[in-house]
Amino acid sequence: MEYDDIKIGQVVRSVKGRDKDRVFIVVGIVDDQHVLISDGELRRIDKPKKKKLKHLAIFNAASDEIKERIINQKKINNAFIRRELERLGVRSRD
């Protein structure tokens, strides 16, 4: 499975673990097998979840605004992440 195209701001869905079927945004890349994800609710931006790529389904949607803010080290809050997920039409089903 190829994960070379994963990037910050990418929308992903968890397919394994307690957070199964929840939708997140990639807020950091740890290495070639792990990323940091946040949804602004269960996993807040100040404590993102480290998750293996093989436990994620990658969506075609991405938030350029979040990517831009993280790269430029601008402030991101949890409400902003929730709004971006809503704007992209991929909110989690609880």
PDB file of N, CA and C in Angstrom:
ATOM      1  N   MET A   1       0.839  -1.180   0.000  1.00  0.00           N
ATOM      2  CA  MET A   1       0.000   0.000   0.000  1.00  0.00           C
ATOM      3  C   MET A   1       0.884   1.244   0.000  1.00  0.00           C
ATOM      4  N   GLU A   2       0.606   2.210  -0.857  1.00  0.00           N
ATOM      5  CA  GLU A   2       1.409   3.420  -0.985  1.00  0.00           C
ATOM      6  C   GLU A   2       0.847   4.538  -0.136  1.00  0.00           C
ATOM      7  N   TYR A   3       1.695   5.143   0.681  1.00  0.00           N
ATOM      8  CA  TYR A   3       1.277   6.263   1.528  1.00  0.00           C
ATOM      9  C   TYR A   3       2.094   7.511   1.229  1.00  0.00           C
ATOM     10  N   ASP A   4       2.768   7.538   0.105  1.00  0.00           N
ATOM     11  CA  ASP A   4       3.611   8.679  -0.228  1.00  0.00           C
ATOM     12  C   ASP A   4       2.802   9.954  -0.419  1.00  0.00           C
ATOM     13  N   ASP A   5       1.514   9.825  -0.767  1.00  0.00           N
ATOM     14  CA  ASP A   5       0.701  10.999  -1.056  1.00  0.00           C
ATOM     15  C   ASP A   5      -0.012  11.567   0.166  1.00  0.00           C
ATOM     16  N   ILE A   6       0.231  11.017   1.354  1.00  0.00           N
ATOM     17  CA  ILE A   6      -0.381  11.554   2.575  1.00  0.00           C
ATOM     18  C   ILE A   6       0.277  12.885   2.895  1.00  0.00           C
ATOM     19  N   LYS A   7      -0.526  13.868   3.276  1.00  0.00           N
ATOM     20  CA  LYS A   7       0.038  15.183   3.569  1.00  0.00           C
ATOM     21  C   LYS A   7      -0.717  15.840   4.718  1.00  0.00           C
ATOM     22  N   ILE A   8      -0.137  16.855   5.286  1.00  0.00           N
ATOM     23  CA  ILE A   8      -0.790  17.607   6.340  1.00  0.00           C
ATOM     24  C   ILE A   8      -2.048  18.250   5.770  1.00  0.00           C
ATOM     25  N   GLY A   9      -3.128  18.171   6.517  1.00  0.00           N
ATOM     26  CA  GLY A   9      -4.410  18.707   6.054  1.00  0.00           C
ATOM     27  C   GLY A   9      -5.298  17.656   5.411  1.00  0.00           C
ATOM     28  N   GLN A  10      -4.754  16.475   5.163  1.00  0.00           N
ATOM     29  CA  GLN A  10      -5.507  15.376   4.534  1.00  0.00           C
ATOM     30  C   GLN A  10      -6.596  14.880   5.477  1.00  0.00           C
ATOM     31  N   VAL A  11      -7.760  14.582   4.931  1.00  0.00           N
ATOM     32  CA  VAL A  11      -8.855  14.024   5.715  1.00  0.00           C
ATOM     33  C   VAL A  11      -8.740  12.507   5.691  1.00  0.00           C
ATOM     34  N   VAL A  12      -8.847  11.888   6.865  1.00  0.00           N
ATOM     35  CA  VAL A  12      -8.729  10.438   6.994  1.00  0.00           C
ATOM     36  C   VAL A  12      -9.835   9.916   7.905  1.00  0.00           C
ATOM     37  N   ARG A  13     -10.119   8.616   7.779  1.00  0.00           N
ATOM     38  CA  ARG A  13     -11.083   7.953   8.651  1.00  0.00           C
ATOM     39  C   ARG A  13     -10.391   6.771   9.302  1.00  0.00           C
ATOM     40  N   SER A  14     -10.581   6.622  10.600  1.00  0.00           N
ATOM     41  CA  SER A  14      -9.989   5.510  11.333  1.00  0.00           C
ATOM     42  C   SER A  14     -10.754   4.232  11.013  1.00  0.00           C
ATOM     43  N   VAL A  15     -10.026   3.151  10.723  1.00  0.00           N
ATOM     44  CA  VAL A  15     -10.672   1.865  10.435  1.00  0.00           C
ATOM     45  C   VAL A  15     -10.390   0.831  11.520  1.00  0.00           C
ATOM     46  N   LYS A  16      -9.545   1.171  12.484  1.00  0.00           N
ATOM     47  CA  LYS A  16      -9.214   0.269  13.594  1.00  0.00           C
ATOM     48  C   LYS A  16      -9.143   1.063  14.891  1.00  0.00           C
ATOM     49  N   GLY A  17      -9.418   0.400  15.995  1.00  0.00           N
ATOM     50  CA  GLY A  17      -9.250   0.998  17.308  1.00  0.00           C
ATOM     51  C   GLY A  17     -10.536   1.559  17.886  1.00  0.00           C
ATOM     52  N   ARG A  18     -10.408   2.187  19.029  1.00  0.00           N
ATOM     53  CA  ARG A  18     -11.568   2.761  19.719  1.00  0.00           C
ATOM     54  C   ARG A  18     -12.221   3.880  18.931  1.00  0.00           C
ATOM     55  N   ASP A  19     -11.422   4.552  18.130  1.00  0.00           N
ATOM     56  CA  ASP A  19     -11.936   5.673  17.341  1.00  0.00           C
ATOM     57  C   ASP A  19     -12.392   5.247  15.944  1.00  0.00           C
ATOM     58  N   LYS A  20     -12.682   3.972  15.762  1.00  0.00           N
ATOM     59  CA  LYS A  20     -13.106   3.432  14.469  1.00  0.00           C
ATOM     60  C   LYS A  20     -14.287   4.236  13.903  1.00  0.00           C
ATOM     61  N   ASP A  21     -14.226   4.535  12.617  1.00  0.00           N
ATOM     62  CA  ASP A  21     -15.239   5.267  11.846  1.00  0.00           C
ATOM     63  C   ASP A  21     -15.283   6.766  12.138  1.00  0.00           C
ATOM     64  N   ARG A  22     -14.390   7.275  12.951  1.00  0.00           N
ATOM     65  CA  ARG A  22     -14.324   8.723  13.176  1.00  0.00           C
ATOM     66  C   ARG A  22     -13.445   9.352  12.103  1.00  0.00           C
ATOM     67  N   VAL A  23     -13.772  10.582  11.754  1.00  0.00           N
ATOM     68  CA  VAL A  23     -13.053  11.303  10.716  1.00  0.00           C
ATOM     69  C   VAL A  23     -12.116  12.315  11.373  1.00  0.00           C
ATOM     70  N   PHE A  24     -10.893  12.380  10.863  1.00  0.00           N
ATOM     71  CA  PHE A  24      -9.857  13.243  11.422  1.00  0.00           C
ATOM     72  C   PHE A  24      -9.159  14.004  10.305  1.00  0.00           C
ATOM     73  N   ILE A  25      -8.334  14.964  10.700  1.00  0.00           N
ATOM     74  CA  ILE A  25      -7.452  15.673   9.773  1.00  0.00           C
ATOM     75  C   ILE A  25      -6.018  15.405  10.222  1.00  0.00           C
ATOM     76  N   VAL A  26      -5.141  15.126   9.277  1.00  0.00           N
ATOM     77  CA  VAL A  26      -3.728  14.908   9.575  1.00  0.00           C
ATOM     78  C   VAL A  26      -3.106  16.258   9.934  1.00  0.00           C
ATOM     79  N   VAL A  27      -2.537  16.348  11.140  1.00  0.00           N
ATOM     80  CA  VAL A  27      -1.922  17.594  11.592  1.00  0.00           C
ATOM     81  C   VAL A  27      -0.408  17.467  11.728  1.00  0.00           C
ATOM     82  N   GLY A  28       0.116  16.281  11.465  1.00  0.00           N
ATOM     83  CA  GLY A  28       1.563  16.086  11.514  1.00  0.00           C
ATOM     84  C   GLY A  28       1.943  14.736  10.945  1.00  0.00           C
ATOM     85  N   ILE A  29       3.159  14.644  10.439  1.00  0.00           N
ATOM     86  CA  ILE A  29       3.681  13.387   9.914  1.00  0.00           C
ATOM     87  C   ILE A  29       4.886  13.011  10.766  1.00  0.00           C
ATOM     88  N   VAL A  30       4.802  11.846  11.430  1.00  0.00           N
ATOM     89  CA  VAL A  30       5.859  11.405  12.338  1.00  0.00           C
ATOM     90  C   VAL A  30       6.967  10.704  11.561  1.00  0.00           C
ATOM     91  N   ASP A  31       6.598   9.693  10.781  1.00  0.00           N
ATOM     92  CA  ASP A  31       7.545   8.971   9.940  1.00  0.00           C
ATOM     93  C   ASP A  31       6.768   8.364   8.785  1.00  0.00           C
ATOM     94  N   ASP A  32       7.367   7.395   8.086  1.00  0.00           N
ATOM     95  CA  ASP A  32       6.711   6.825   6.913  1.00  0.00           C
ATOM     96  C   ASP A  32       5.541   5.907   7.262  1.00  0.00           C
ATOM     97  N   GLN A  33       5.337   5.589   8.545  1.00  0.00           N
ATOM     98  CA  GLN A  33       4.233   4.711   8.936  1.00  0.00           C
ATOM     99  C   GLN A  33       3.252   5.346   9.916  1.00  0.00           C
ATOM    100  N   HIS A  34       3.568   6.515  10.460  1.00  0.00           N
ATOM    101  CA  HIS A  34       2.730   7.139  11.483  1.00  0.00           C
ATOM    102  C   HIS A  34       2.430   8.600  11.163  1.00  0.00           C
ATOM    103  N   VAL A  35       1.223   9.039  11.534  1.00  0.00           N
ATOM    104  CA  VAL A  35       0.837  10.443  11.421  1.00  0.00           C
ATOM    105  C   VAL A  35       0.179  10.874  12.725  1.00  0.00           C
ATOM    106  N   LEU A  36       0.043  12.176  12.905  1.00  0.00           N
ATOM    107  CA  LEU A  36      -0.701  12.738  14.023  1.00  0.00           C
ATOM    108  C   LEU A  36      -2.032  13.230  13.487  1.00  0.00           C
ATOM    109  N   ILE A  37      -3.130  12.846  14.158  1.00  0.00           N
ATOM    110  CA  ILE A  37      -4.458  13.219  13.685  1.00  0.00           C
ATOM    111  C   ILE A  37      -5.242  13.919  14.794  1.00  0.00           C
ATOM    112  N   SER A  38      -6.161  14.787  14.369  1.00  0.00           N
ATOM    113  CA  SER A  38      -7.003  15.509  15.310  1.00  0.00           C
ATOM    114  C   SER A  38      -8.362  15.734  14.657  1.00  0.00           C
ATOM    115  N   ASP A  39      -9.414  15.764  15.506  1.00  0.00           N
ATOM    116  CA  ASP A  39     -10.752  16.088  14.997  1.00  0.00           C
ATOM    117  C   ASP A  39     -11.368  17.266  15.746  1.00  0.00           C
ATOM    118  N   GLY A  40     -10.652  17.811  16.723  1.00  0.00           N
ATOM    119  CA  GLY A  40     -11.151  18.954  17.463  1.00  0.00           C
ATOM    120  C   GLY A  40     -12.149  18.588  18.549  1.00  0.00           C
ATOM    121  N   GLU A  41     -12.494  17.321  18.684  1.00  0.00           N
ATOM    122  CA  GLU A  41     -13.439  16.874  19.711  1.00  0.00           C
ATOM    123  C   GLU A  41     -12.786  15.798  20.567  1.00  0.00           C
ATOM    124  N   LEU A  42     -12.825  14.562  20.080  1.00  0.00           N
ATOM    125  CA  LEU A  42     -12.234  13.428  20.803  1.00  0.00           C
ATOM    126  C   LEU A  42     -10.718  13.613  20.919  1.00  0.00           C
ATOM    127  N   ARG A  43     -10.098  13.965  19.828  1.00  0.00           N
ATOM    128  CA  ARG A  43      -8.659  14.224  19.788  1.00  0.00           C
ATOM    129  C   ARG A  43      -8.453  15.691  19.466  1.00  0.00           C
ATOM    130  N   ARG A  44      -8.087  16.443  20.484  1.00  0.00           N
ATOM    131  CA  ARG A  44      -7.935  17.876  20.343  1.00  0.00           C
ATOM    132  C   ARG A  44      -6.557  18.209  19.768  1.00  0.00           C
ATOM    133  N   ILE A  45      -6.429  19.413  19.247  1.00  0.00           N
ATOM    134  CA  ILE A  45      -5.204  19.823  18.565  1.00  0.00           C
ATOM    135  C   ILE A  45      -4.003  19.865  19.516  1.00  0.00           C
ATOM    136  N   ASP A  46      -4.227  20.123  20.808  1.00  0.00           N
ATOM    137  CA  ASP A  46      -3.119  20.179  21.746  1.00  0.00           C
ATOM    138  C   ASP A  46      -2.611  18.793  22.143  1.00  0.00           C
ATOM    139  N   LYS A  47      -3.376  17.743  21.838  1.00  0.00           N
ATOM    140  CA  LYS A  47      -2.953  16.374  22.119  1.00  0.00           C
ATOM    141  C   LYS A  47      -3.427  15.453  20.982  1.00  0.00           C
ATOM    142  N   PRO A  48      -2.809  15.579  19.798  1.00  0.00           N
ATOM    143  CA  PRO A  48      -3.246  14.747  18.665  1.00  0.00           C
ATOM    144  C   PRO A  48      -2.894  13.271  18.866  1.00  0.00           C
ATOM    145  N   LYS A  49      -3.612  12.407  18.167  1.00  0.00           N
ATOM    146  CA  LYS A  49      -3.413  10.960  18.244  1.00  0.00           C
ATOM    147  C   LYS A  49      -2.349  10.537  17.236  1.00  0.00           C
ATOM    148  N   LYS A  50      -1.397   9.749  17.700  1.00  0.00           N
ATOM    149  CA  LYS A  50      -0.414   9.133  16.795  1.00  0.00           C
ATOM    150  C   LYS A  50      -1.059   7.858  16.286  1.00  0.00           C
ATOM    151  N   LYS A  51      -1.171   7.718  14.972  1.00  0.00           N
ATOM    152  CA  LYS A  51      -1.890   6.586  14.389  1.00  0.00           C
ATOM    153  C   LYS A  51      -1.092   6.014  13.226  1.00  0.00           C
ATOM    154  N   LYS A  52      -1.110   4.696  13.109  1.00  0.00           N
ATOM    155  CA  LYS A  52      -0.454   4.041  11.973  1.00  0.00           C
ATOM    156  C   LYS A  52      -1.273   4.285  10.710  1.00  0.00           C
ATOM    157  N   LEU A  53      -0.573   4.493   9.615  1.00  0.00           N
ATOM    158  CA  LEU A  53      -1.242   4.740   8.343  1.00  0.00           C
ATOM    159  C   LEU A  53      -2.091   3.554   7.895  1.00  0.00           C
ATOM    160  N   LYS A  54      -1.661   2.332   8.235  1.00  0.00           N
ATOM    161  CA  LYS A  54      -2.427   1.159   7.800  1.00  0.00           C
ATOM    162  C   LYS A  54      -3.766   1.059   8.526  1.00  0.00           C
ATOM    163  N   HIS A  55      -3.970   1.845   9.580  1.00  0.00           N
ATOM    164  CA  HIS A  55      -5.236   1.855  10.300  1.00  0.00           C
ATOM    165  C   HIS A  55      -6.128   3.018   9.896  1.00  0.00           C
ATOM    166  N   LEU A  56      -5.786   3.667   8.768  1.00  0.00           N
ATOM    167  CA  LEU A  56      -6.544   4.816   8.296  1.00  0.00           C
ATOM    168  C   LEU A  56      -6.996   4.622   6.853  1.00  0.00           C
ATOM    169  N   ALA A  57      -8.190   5.126   6.564  1.00  0.00           N
ATOM    170  CA  ALA A  57      -8.665   5.215   5.177  1.00  0.00           C
ATOM    171  C   ALA A  57      -8.458   6.665   4.756  1.00  0.00           C
ATOM    172  N   ILE A  58      -7.779   6.876   3.656  1.00  0.00           N
ATOM    173  CA  ILE A  58      -7.431   8.221   3.216  1.00  0.00           C
ATOM    174  C   ILE A  58      -8.487   8.737   2.242  1.00  0.00           C
ATOM    175  N   PHE A  59      -9.024   9.928   2.526  1.00  0.00           N
ATOM    176  CA  PHE A  59     -10.008  10.569   1.657  1.00  0.00           C
ATOM    177  C   PHE A  59      -9.277  11.427   0.632  1.00  0.00           C
ATOM    178  N   ASN A  60      -9.970  11.755  -0.452  1.00  0.00           N
ATOM    179  CA  ASN A  60      -9.406  12.672  -1.444  1.00  0.00           C
ATOM    180  C   ASN A  60      -9.456  14.114  -0.957  1.00  0.00           C
ATOM    181  N   ALA A  61     -10.308  14.401   0.009  1.00  0.00           N
ATOM    182  CA  ALA A  61     -10.473  15.762   0.523  1.00  0.00           C
ATOM    183  C   ALA A  61      -9.290  16.155   1.398  1.00  0.00           C
ATOM    184  N   ALA A  62      -8.949  17.438   1.346  1.00  0.00           N
ATOM    185  CA  ALA A  62      -7.881  17.976   2.191  1.00  0.00           C
ATOM    186  C   ALA A  62      -8.183  19.436   2.482  1.00  0.00           C
ATOM    187  N   SER A  63      -7.718  19.913   3.615  1.00  0.00           N
ATOM    188  CA  SER A  63      -7.891  21.307   3.999  1.00  0.00           C
ATOM    189  C   SER A  63      -6.597  22.060   3.755  1.00  0.00           C
ATOM    190  N   ASP A  64      -6.599  22.883   2.717  1.00  0.00           N
ATOM    191  CA  ASP A  64      -5.418  23.684   2.408  1.00  0.00           C
ATOM    192  C   ASP A  64      -5.185  24.744   3.476  1.00  0.00           C
ATOM    193  N   GLU A  65      -6.269  25.225   4.085  1.00  0.00           N
ATOM    194  CA  GLU A  65      -6.161  26.242   5.136  1.00  0.00           C
ATOM    195  C   GLU A  65      -5.412  25.694   6.360  1.00  0.00           C
ATOM    196  N   ILE A  66      -5.734  24.478   6.779  1.00  0.00           N
ATOM    197  CA  ILE A  66      -5.045  23.869   7.919  1.00  0.00           C
ATOM    198  C   ILE A  66      -3.585  23.606   7.562  1.00  0.00           C
ATOM    199  N   LYS A  67      -3.346  23.095   6.369  1.00  0.00           N
ATOM    200  CA  LYS A  67      -1.968  22.844   5.931  1.00  0.00           C
ATOM    201  C   LYS A  67      -1.159  24.136   5.971  1.00  0.00           C
ATOM    202  N   GLU A  68      -1.732  25.203   5.445  1.00  0.00           N
ATOM    203  CA  GLU A  68      -1.061  26.493   5.407  1.00  0.00           C
ATOM    204  C   GLU A  68      -0.756  27.011   6.818  1.00  0.00           C
ATOM    205  N   ARG A  69      -1.725  26.887   7.720  1.00  0.00           N
ATOM    206  CA  ARG A  69      -1.528  27.363   9.098  1.00  0.00           C
ATOM    207  C   ARG A  69      -0.471  26.548   9.833  1.00  0.00           C
ATOM    208  N   ILE A  70      -0.436  25.242   9.632  1.00  0.00           N
ATOM    209  CA  ILE A  70       0.558  24.406  10.314  1.00  0.00           C
ATOM    210  C   ILE A  70       1.954  24.690   9.774  1.00  0.00           C
ATOM    211  N   ILE A  71       2.077  24.795   8.463  1.00  0.00           N
ATOM    212  CA  ILE A  71       3.388  25.074   7.860  1.00  0.00           C
ATOM    213  C   ILE A  71       3.921  26.433   8.318  1.00  0.00           C
ATOM    214  N   ASN A  72       3.040  27.435   8.394  1.00  0.00           N
ATOM    215  CA  ASN A  72       3.454  28.785   8.798  1.00  0.00           C
ATOM    216  C   ASN A  72       3.429  28.981  10.318  1.00  0.00           C
ATOM    217  N   GLN A  73       3.166  27.900  11.064  1.00  0.00           N
ATOM    218  CA  GLN A  73       3.140  27.900  12.522  1.00  0.00           C
ATOM    219  C   GLN A  73       2.177  28.942  13.079  1.00  0.00           C
ATOM    220  N   LYS A  74       1.020  29.063  12.442  1.00  0.00           N
ATOM    221  CA  LYS A  74      -0.033  29.949  12.935  1.00  0.00           C
ATOM    222  C   LYS A  74      -0.946  29.165  13.866  1.00  0.00           C
ATOM    223  N   LYS A  75      -1.685  29.880  14.684  1.00  0.00           N
ATOM    224  CA  LYS A  75      -2.552  29.270  15.689  1.00  0.00           C
ATOM    225  C   LYS A  75      -3.723  28.544  15.029  1.00  0.00           C
ATOM    226  N   ILE A  76      -3.988  27.339  15.528  1.00  0.00           N
ATOM    227  CA  ILE A  76      -5.147  26.551  15.109  1.00  0.00           C
ATOM    228  C   ILE A  76      -5.872  26.143  16.378  1.00  0.00           C
ATOM    229  N   ASN A  77      -7.188  26.340  16.420  1.00  0.00           N
ATOM    230  CA  ASN A  77      -7.932  25.877  17.584  1.00  0.00           C
ATOM    231  C   ASN A  77      -8.872  24.742  17.183  1.00  0.00           C
ATOM    232  N   ASN A  78      -9.441  24.093  18.176  1.00  0.00           N
ATOM    233  CA  ASN A  78     -10.295  22.927  17.934  1.00  0.00           C
ATOM    234  C   ASN A  78     -11.545  23.275  17.154  1.00  0.00           C
ATOM    235  N   ALA A  79     -12.113  24.446  17.408  1.00  0.00           N
ATOM    236  CA  ALA A  79     -13.308  24.876  16.682  1.00  0.00           C
ATOM    237  C   ALA A  79     -13.002  25.020  15.192  1.00  0.00           C
ATOM    238  N   PHE A  80     -11.806  25.500  14.869  1.00  0.00           N
ATOM    239  CA  PHE A  80     -11.420  25.652  13.469  1.00  0.00           C
ATOM    240  C   PHE A  80     -11.342  24.289  12.774  1.00  0.00           C
ATOM    241  N   ILE A  81     -10.785  23.304  13.447  1.00  0.00           N
ATOM    242  CA  ILE A  81     -10.704  21.953  12.875  1.00  0.00           C
ATOM    243  C   ILE A  81     -12.110  21.393  12.654  1.00  0.00           C
ATOM    244  N   ARG A  82     -12.996  21.558  13.636  1.00  0.00           N
ATOM    245  CA  ARG A  82     -14.376  21.078  13.489  1.00  0.00           C
ATOM    246  C   ARG A  82     -15.080  21.761  12.325  1.00  0.00           C
ATOM    247  N   ARG A  83     -14.877  23.085  12.193  1.00  0.00           N
ATOM    248  CA  ARG A  83     -15.496  23.828  11.067  1.00  0.00           C
ATOM    249  C   ARG A  83     -14.963  23.343   9.724  1.00  0.00           C
ATOM    250  N   GLU A  84     -13.671  23.078   9.651  1.00  0.00           N
ATOM    251  CA  GLU A  84     -13.082  22.595   8.395  1.00  0.00           C
ATOM    252  C   GLU A  84     -13.644  21.216   8.018  1.00  0.00           C
ATOM    253  N   LEU A  85     -13.780  20.329   8.992  1.00  0.00           N
ATOM    254  CA  LEU A  85     -14.356  19.007   8.708  1.00  0.00           C
ATOM    255  C   LEU A  85     -15.807  19.152   8.240  1.00  0.00           C
ATOM    256  N   GLU A  86     -16.538  20.060   8.854  1.00  0.00           N
ATOM    257  CA  GLU A  86     -17.916  20.305   8.450  1.00  0.00           C
ATOM    258  C   GLU A  86     -17.976  20.908   7.046  1.00  0.00           C
ATOM    259  N   ARG A  87     -17.099  21.878   6.789  1.00  0.00           N
ATOM    260  CA  ARG A  87     -17.057  22.531   5.476  1.00  0.00           C
ATOM    261  C   ARG A  87     -16.745  21.513   4.372  1.00  0.00           C
ATOM    262  N   LEU A  88     -15.875  20.563   4.677  1.00  0.00           N
ATOM    263  CA  LEU A  88     -15.515  19.532   3.707  1.00  0.00           C
ATOM    264  C   LEU A  88     -16.585  18.456   3.609  1.00  0.00           C
ATOM    265  N   GLY A  89     -17.575  18.502   4.490  1.00  0.00           N
ATOM    266  CA  GLY A  89     -18.699  17.559   4.428  1.00  0.00           C
ATOM    267  C   GLY A  89     -18.351  16.161   4.905  1.00  0.00           C
ATOM    268  N   VAL A  90     -17.447  16.039   5.862  1.00  0.00           N
ATOM    269  CA  VAL A  90     -16.998  14.723   6.315  1.00  0.00           C
ATOM    270  C   VAL A  90     -17.017  14.585   7.831  1.00  0.00           C
ATOM    271  N   ARG A  91     -18.032  15.131   8.470  1.00  0.00           N
ATOM    272  CA  ARG A  91     -18.127  15.022   9.932  1.00  0.00           C
ATOM    273  C   ARG A  91     -18.290  13.586  10.359  1.00  0.00           C
ATOM    274  N   SER A  92     -17.784  13.257  11.545  1.00  0.00           N
ATOM    275  CA  SER A  92     -17.876  11.896  12.099  1.00  0.00           C
ATOM    276  C   SER A  92     -19.308  11.555  12.451  1.00  0.00           C
ATOM    277  N   ARG A  93     -19.625  10.272  12.328  1.00  0.00           N
ATOM    278  CA  ARG A  93     -20.908   9.761  12.777  1.00  0.00           C
ATOM    279  C   ARG A  93     -20.684   9.136  14.140  1.00  0.00           C
ATOM    280  N   ASP A  94     -21.378   9.632  15.149  1.00  0.00           N
ATOM    281  CA  ASP A  94     -21.209   9.075  16.503  1.00  0.00           C
ATOM    282  C   ASP A  94     -22.278   8.066  16.818  1.00  0.00           C
TER     283      ASP A  94
END
